[in-house]
C-alpha cells in the first residue's frame, strides 16, 4: 500500500510540474518566425559538425507543420511559447507527426508510446530550456531555414 501511495504522490507532483511549466510558457511571447526557427533548431540539434547548417526536407516540413499549429492548432493563438509546444503536441498526437497515412489507432499508439511521444517530451523540455534566452536557438533555426531555402 505504501508503494501505491508513493506512486500517486509522484503522479500528482508530475502533474503540478507540468501545469507550472505550461503556465510559465504561456507568459513567453513568441513570433511566427520564431515558431518556425525553434523547431528547425530542435530538429538540427544533433547534426554532425559538417552538417550543422543542413536540415532534411522531412524535418523542414515538420517544423512548418508545427508552426502552422502554433497559429491555427486547437486552442492556439500563435502568440506564446505555450502555443508552440501545444502545436507540437498536436502535431505528434493527431497530426502528421504520427504518420501521414496512419489510421486513427496507429496515430493514437504512436502519440502515446512511440517516437512521437518521445518527441513531445523532448520538445517541451527543449522549449522550456530556452524560453528565457532563445536568441542563439532562433539564430540557429534561421540559418537552417536560409540554407534550406537556398538549396531548394
Foldseek 3Di string as FASTA:
>chain_A
DVVVVVVVVVVVVVVVVVVVLLVVQVPQWDALLLLLLLQLLVQLVPPDPVCLLEDDPVSNVLSVQLSVQCCVNVPHNVTTSSSSLVSLLCCQQPNCVQPPPDDNVSSNCCSCPNVSVVCSVVSSVSCSVCRVPCPVSSVSSVSSVVVVVVVD
